[in-house]
Amino acid sequence: MPSPLTLQPLGPHLGAEVLDLDPATVFQPQTLAALEAALVKHEALVLHAPWLQPEQHLAIARYFGEPEVHTFYPNLGAGFEQITVIDSRLGDRADMWHHDESFLPDPPIVTMTHAQILPPCGGDTCWISMTTAYDSLSGRMQHYLDGLSAWHDMNGPMTAALRQSVVSHERYAEVVQMNRRHLHPLVIQHPVSGRKALYLSPTYTTHIDGLAPSESDAILDYLHAHCQHVQFGFRHRWRVGDMVLWDNRSVLHNAILDYQPHQRRMQRTSVFAREPLQA
């Protein structure tokens, strides 16, 4: 059966635009299945959906798994607790390369963000394909990394936020006491596509388990620099009503903070697997 979606690739390795999305059919099973297949293939999808309402946002999220009620960010309130509000006027920001919540034992598998208020310019989001980054490593480096694990810890960015006066000392202490940290394989295998991907970020990954500090730092520094190669990435210039879905297992993202003092407000849902998927 032909796909009900028309896709336009946006980068050689990452990103695709869904053209002529029909609001009347987007919630049909075959359309949602096509969105899922396209997401696995392209890792990030741009939907132009100014008509999308919160209940429709959640309907798409629930197709992929269990929408998260976020621990830290505010949400839309009763009935829509799973839709997080990320508003620059509230001091919310994500201007760092990261997988969403990789410090959890089973991080979200998909994130979807819907643009509500945008600055007159700036505020783009960038993604990096970590599958392509892994494929581009030498065979010797791939062999070295396979089997290693690295620690992901939320305390690092919280310390940076405290130093920048983004959070209070009370909030910092509250988050640190949660001990949000977890050990993940440095190379994971996508449970659907089967492709291998690097799983690390300069934001949350602190060190490689079992290595001397100097060796761990050298390897992580190399990998972070390697992943920044421009050919692995895709940059989206938002329009109000755009929704971008990305595969949190296989991409990093960074929301560029270059628009102050203007406002940027997004509505976001992160989705957990209904059953934890072990890479």
Protein backbone atom coordinates (compact mmCIF):
# COMPACT_ATOMS: atom_id res chain seq x y z
CA MET A 1 0.00 0.00 0.00
CA PRO A 2 1.46 3.40 -0.96
CA SER A 3 2.28 5.80 1.85
CA PRO A 4 -0.36 8.49 2.53
CA LEU A 5 2.48 10.98 3.16
CA THR A 6 4.55 13.00 0.72
CA LEU A 7 8.05 13.54 2.11
CA GLN A 8 10.77 15.98 1.12
CA PRO A 9 14.22 15.17 2.56
CA LEU A 10 15.81 18.17 4.27
CA GLY A 11 19.32 16.82 4.67
CA PRO A 12 21.42 14.01 3.22
CA HIS A 13 21.39 12.04 6.50
CA LEU A 14 18.71 13.56 8.72
CA GLY A 15 15.38 15.35 8.50
CA ALA A 16 12.34 15.32 6.23
CA GLU A 17 9.39 17.63 5.67
CA VAL A 18 5.87 16.21 5.45
CA LEU A 19 4.20 17.99 2.54
CA ASP A 20 0.45 18.65 2.24
CA LEU A 21 -0.46 17.11 5.58
CA ASP A 22 -4.23 16.61 5.66
CA PRO A 23 -5.79 17.39 9.07
CA ALA A 24 -8.70 15.10 8.19
CA THR A 25 -6.52 12.01 7.80
CA VAL A 26 -3.54 12.59 10.09
CA PHE A 27 -5.11 10.57 12.92
CA GLN A 28 -6.02 7.59 10.77
CA PRO A 29 -4.02 4.44 11.63
CA GLN A 30 -2.34 4.23 8.24
CA THR A 31 -1.19 7.86 8.42
CA LEU A 32 0.18 7.46 11.93
CA ALA A 33 1.97 4.27 10.90
CA ALA A 34 3.47 6.14 7.94
CA LEU A 35 4.64 8.90 10.28
CA GLU A 36 6.33 6.31 12.48
CA ALA A 37 8.06 4.66 9.52
CA ALA A 38 9.21 8.05 8.21
CA LEU A 39 10.52 9.01 11.64
CA VAL A 40 12.58 5.83 11.92
CA LYS A 41 14.04 6.46 8.45
CA HIS A 42 14.65 10.23 8.66
CA GLU A 43 15.05 10.61 12.46
CA ALA A 44 13.38 14.06 12.49
CA LEU A 45 10.13 15.09 10.78
CA VAL A 46 8.77 18.60 10.18
CA LEU A 47 4.97 18.89 10.09
CA HIS A 48 3.27 22.18 9.21
CA ALA A 49 0.28 22.03 11.57
CA PRO A 50 -1.01 25.45 12.69
CA TRP A 51 -4.41 23.79 13.11
CA LEU A 52 -3.14 21.30 15.71
CA GLN A 53 -4.98 21.45 19.05
CA PRO A 54 -3.66 20.07 22.36
CA GLU A 55 -5.92 17.02 22.25
CA GLN A 56 -4.64 16.24 18.74
CA HIS A 57 -1.05 16.76 19.89
CA LEU A 58 -1.64 14.16 22.60
CA ALA A 59 -3.35 11.77 20.18
CA ILE A 60 -0.19 11.66 18.05
CA ALA A 61 1.96 11.26 21.14
CA ARG A 62 -0.12 8.35 22.44
CA TYR A 63 0.31 6.51 19.17
CA PHE A 64 4.06 6.35 19.82
CA GLY A 65 3.88 5.43 23.52
CA GLU A 66 3.20 6.87 26.96
CA PRO A 67 3.37 10.69 27.10
CA GLU A 68 5.42 12.05 29.98
CA VAL A 69 4.29 14.39 32.72
CA HIS A 70 7.55 16.30 33.06
CA THR A 71 9.09 16.62 36.51
CA PHE A 72 10.47 20.14 36.10
CA TYR A 73 8.69 22.15 33.40
CA PRO A 74 5.16 23.60 33.68
CA ASN A 75 2.38 22.13 31.54
CA LEU A 76 -0.98 23.11 30.03
CA GLY A 77 -2.91 22.02 33.12
CA ALA A 78 -5.86 19.75 33.79
CA GLY A 79 -6.32 17.18 31.05
CA PHE A 80 -3.13 18.21 29.28
CA GLU A 81 -0.50 17.60 31.94
CA GLN A 82 1.60 15.68 29.39
CA ILE A 83 2.07 18.78 27.21
CA THR A 84 5.04 20.69 28.58
CA VAL A 85 5.33 24.45 28.11
CA ILE A 86 8.83 25.71 27.33
CA ASP A 87 8.75 29.50 27.45
CA SER A 88 11.79 31.76 27.35
CA ARG A 89 9.89 34.34 29.43
CA LEU A 90 9.91 31.78 32.26
CA GLY A 91 13.64 31.24 31.91
CA ASP A 92 13.20 27.88 30.15
CA ARG A 93 15.94 27.00 27.68
CA ALA A 94 17.51 23.99 25.98
CA ASP A 95 20.52 25.59 24.29
CA MET A 96 22.79 22.59 24.70
CA TRP A 97 23.45 19.41 22.76
CA HIS A 98 21.56 16.59 24.45
CA HIS A 99 19.29 13.59 24.27
CA ASP A 100 16.17 14.37 26.28
CA GLU A 101 16.53 13.00 29.81
CA SER A 102 19.31 10.53 29.08
CA PHE A 103 19.97 10.46 32.83
CA LEU A 104 16.86 8.27 33.26
CA PRO A 105 17.02 4.45 33.17
CA ASP A 106 14.67 4.43 30.15
CA PRO A 107 14.69 7.85 28.47
CA PRO A 108 11.93 9.03 26.14
CA ILE A 109 11.96 7.45 22.69
CA VAL A 110 10.27 10.30 20.79
CA THR A 111 9.91 14.04 21.41
CA MET A 112 7.49 16.31 19.55
CA THR A 113 7.50 20.10 19.82
CA HIS A 114 4.83 22.50 18.50
CA ALA A 115 5.77 26.15 17.93
CA GLN A 116 3.41 28.70 19.54
CA ILE A 117 5.28 32.02 19.80
CA LEU A 118 8.49 32.74 17.93
CA PRO A 119 10.98 35.60 17.90
CA PRO A 120 11.20 37.74 14.75
CA CYS A 121 14.43 35.93 13.90
CA GLY A 122 16.62 33.27 15.47
CA GLY A 123 15.49 30.49 17.78
CA ASP A 124 16.30 27.69 15.34
CA THR A 125 16.73 24.11 16.54
CA CYS A 126 19.52 21.83 15.32
CA TRP A 127 19.74 18.05 15.32
CA ILE A 128 22.64 15.62 14.85
CA SER A 129 22.23 12.10 13.50
CA MET A 130 24.11 9.88 15.93
CA THR A 131 23.63 6.89 13.64
CA THR A 132 25.49 8.68 10.86
CA ALA A 133 28.11 9.85 13.35
CA TYR A 134 28.70 6.25 14.41
CA ASP A 135 28.81 4.99 10.81
CA SER A 136 31.47 7.60 10.02
CA LEU A 137 33.87 6.37 12.68
CA SER A 138 36.74 4.12 11.68
CA GLY A 139 36.24 0.41 12.15
CA ARG A 140 38.92 0.40 14.84
CA MET A 141 37.18 3.12 16.81
CA GLN A 142 33.82 1.36 16.48
CA HIS A 143 35.41 -1.82 17.81
CA TYR A 144 36.96 0.09 20.72
CA LEU A 145 33.65 1.72 21.71
CA ASP A 146 31.41 -1.34 21.43
CA GLY A 147 30.84 -2.71 24.92
CA LEU A 148 31.76 0.49 26.77
CA SER A 149 29.20 2.37 28.88
CA ALA A 150 29.07 5.98 30.03
CA TRP A 151 27.39 7.80 32.89
CA HIS A 152 24.68 10.38 32.21
CA ASP A 153 24.04 12.84 35.05
CA MET A 154 21.66 15.77 35.41
CA ASN A 155 23.76 17.53 38.04
CA GLY A 156 26.24 18.97 35.53
CA PRO A 157 23.80 21.23 33.67
CA MET A 158 22.08 22.11 36.94
CA THR A 159 25.42 23.35 38.30
CA ALA A 160 25.88 25.43 35.16
CA ALA A 161 22.36 26.82 35.53
CA LEU A 162 23.09 27.77 39.13
CA ARG A 163 26.30 29.57 38.16
CA GLN A 164 24.38 31.48 35.47
CA SER A 165 21.61 32.38 37.97
CA VAL A 166 19.04 30.49 35.90
CA VAL A 167 17.95 28.42 38.93
CA SER A 168 17.87 29.19 42.63
CA HIS A 169 20.02 27.46 45.25
CA GLU A 170 16.85 25.85 46.60
CA ARG A 171 15.91 24.44 43.19
CA TYR A 172 19.47 23.25 42.63
CA ALA A 173 19.50 21.38 45.95
CA GLU A 174 16.10 19.83 45.20
CA VAL A 175 17.23 18.46 41.83
CA VAL A 176 20.60 17.21 43.08
CA GLN A 177 18.86 15.23 45.83
CA MET A 178 16.91 13.34 43.15
CA ASN A 179 20.18 11.71 42.05
CA ARG A 180 19.16 11.64 38.39
CA ARG A 181 22.01 9.63 36.84
CA HIS A 182 22.27 6.39 34.91
CA LEU A 183 24.78 4.22 33.06
CA HIS A 184 24.04 3.62 29.36
CA PRO A 185 25.93 1.85 26.57
CA LEU A 186 28.11 4.25 24.62
CA VAL A 187 26.86 2.58 21.43
CA ILE A 188 23.22 1.53 21.26
CA GLN A 189 21.29 -0.38 18.62
CA HIS A 190 18.03 1.16 17.48
CA PRO A 191 15.25 -1.32 18.36
CA VAL A 192 13.38 -0.73 15.09
CA SER A 193 15.92 0.13 12.40
CA GLY A 194 18.70 -2.02 13.84
CA ARG A 195 21.24 0.74 13.16
CA LYS A 196 23.93 1.46 15.71
CA ALA A 197 24.17 4.96 17.17
CA LEU A 198 26.47 6.83 19.50
CA TYR A 199 24.69 7.60 22.76
CA LEU A 200 26.38 10.48 24.55
CA SER A 201 26.18 14.25 24.86
CA PRO A 202 28.41 17.04 26.16
CA THR A 203 25.52 18.07 28.44
CA TYR A 204 24.78 14.90 30.40
CA THR A 205 27.62 12.43 29.77
CA THR A 206 30.23 12.76 32.51
CA HIS A 207 32.64 9.84 31.99
CA ILE A 208 33.11 6.39 30.50
CA ASP A 209 32.77 3.67 33.07
CA GLY A 210 35.92 1.73 33.87
CA LEU A 211 38.40 3.99 32.10
CA ALA A 212 41.07 6.16 33.66
CA PRO A 213 39.86 9.80 33.84
CA SER A 214 42.40 11.00 31.28
CA GLU A 215 41.44 8.25 28.80
CA SER A 216 37.72 8.84 29.32
CA ASP A 217 38.12 12.61 28.83
CA ALA A 218 40.19 12.14 25.67
CA ILE A 219 37.67 9.73 24.11
CA LEU A 220 34.66 11.87 25.01
CA ASP A 221 36.34 15.04 23.73
CA TYR A 222 37.10 13.29 20.44
CA LEU A 223 33.56 11.94 20.07
CA HIS A 224 31.91 15.28 20.90
CA ALA A 225 34.06 17.00 18.27
CA HIS A 226 33.41 14.22 15.77
CA CYS A 227 29.63 14.51 16.18
CA GLN A 228 29.75 18.23 15.42
CA HIS A 229 30.69 17.66 11.76
CA VAL A 230 28.21 19.73 9.80
CA GLN A 231 27.27 16.92 7.42
CA PHE A 232 25.68 14.95 10.29
CA GLY A 233 23.21 17.69 11.13
CA PHE A 234 20.00 19.46 10.19
CA ARG A 235 18.81 22.94 11.24
CA HIS A 236 15.17 23.97 11.27
CA ARG A 237 13.93 27.54 11.04
CA TRP A 238 10.58 27.47 12.78
CA ARG A 239 7.28 28.91 11.65
CA VAL A 240 4.35 29.28 14.04
CA GLY A 241 2.38 26.03 13.93
CA ASP A 242 5.31 23.83 12.96
CA MET A 243 5.60 20.57 14.82
CA VAL A 244 8.86 18.64 14.73
CA LEU A 245 9.04 15.03 15.84
CA TRP A 246 12.44 13.48 16.49
CA ASP A 247 13.77 10.10 17.51
CA ASN A 248 15.37 10.70 20.89
CA ARG A 249 17.24 7.40 20.63
CA SER A 250 19.26 8.40 17.59
CA VAL A 251 19.62 12.20 17.52
CA LEU A 252 20.98 15.02 19.66
CA HIS A 253 19.28 18.41 19.57
CA ASN A 254 20.06 21.99 20.54
CA ALA A 255 17.65 24.94 20.66
CA ILE A 256 19.81 27.95 19.82
CA LEU A 257 19.49 30.84 22.27
CA ASP A 258 20.12 33.82 19.97
CA TYR A 259 16.82 35.72 20.15
CA GLN A 260 16.77 37.53 23.50
CA PRO A 261 14.98 39.68 24.60
CA HIS A 262 12.22 38.26 22.39
CA GLN A 263 9.89 35.45 23.45
CA ARG A 264 9.95 31.85 22.24
CA ARG A 265 7.18 29.54 23.47
CA MET A 266 6.87 25.87 22.53
CA GLN A 267 4.54 23.05 23.56
CA ARG A 268 6.35 19.75 23.86
CA THR A 269 5.55 16.14 24.61
CA SER A 270 8.11 13.43 25.25
CA VAL A 271 7.01 9.82 24.88
CA PHE A 272 8.21 6.76 26.75
CA ALA A 273 8.12 3.27 25.31
CA ARG A 274 5.16 1.34 26.65
CA GLU A 275 7.61 -1.41 27.55
CA PRO A 276 11.23 -0.39 28.27
CA LEU A 277 13.42 -1.13 25.26
CA GLN A 278 16.87 -2.36 26.11
CA ALA A 279 19.47 -1.50 23.48
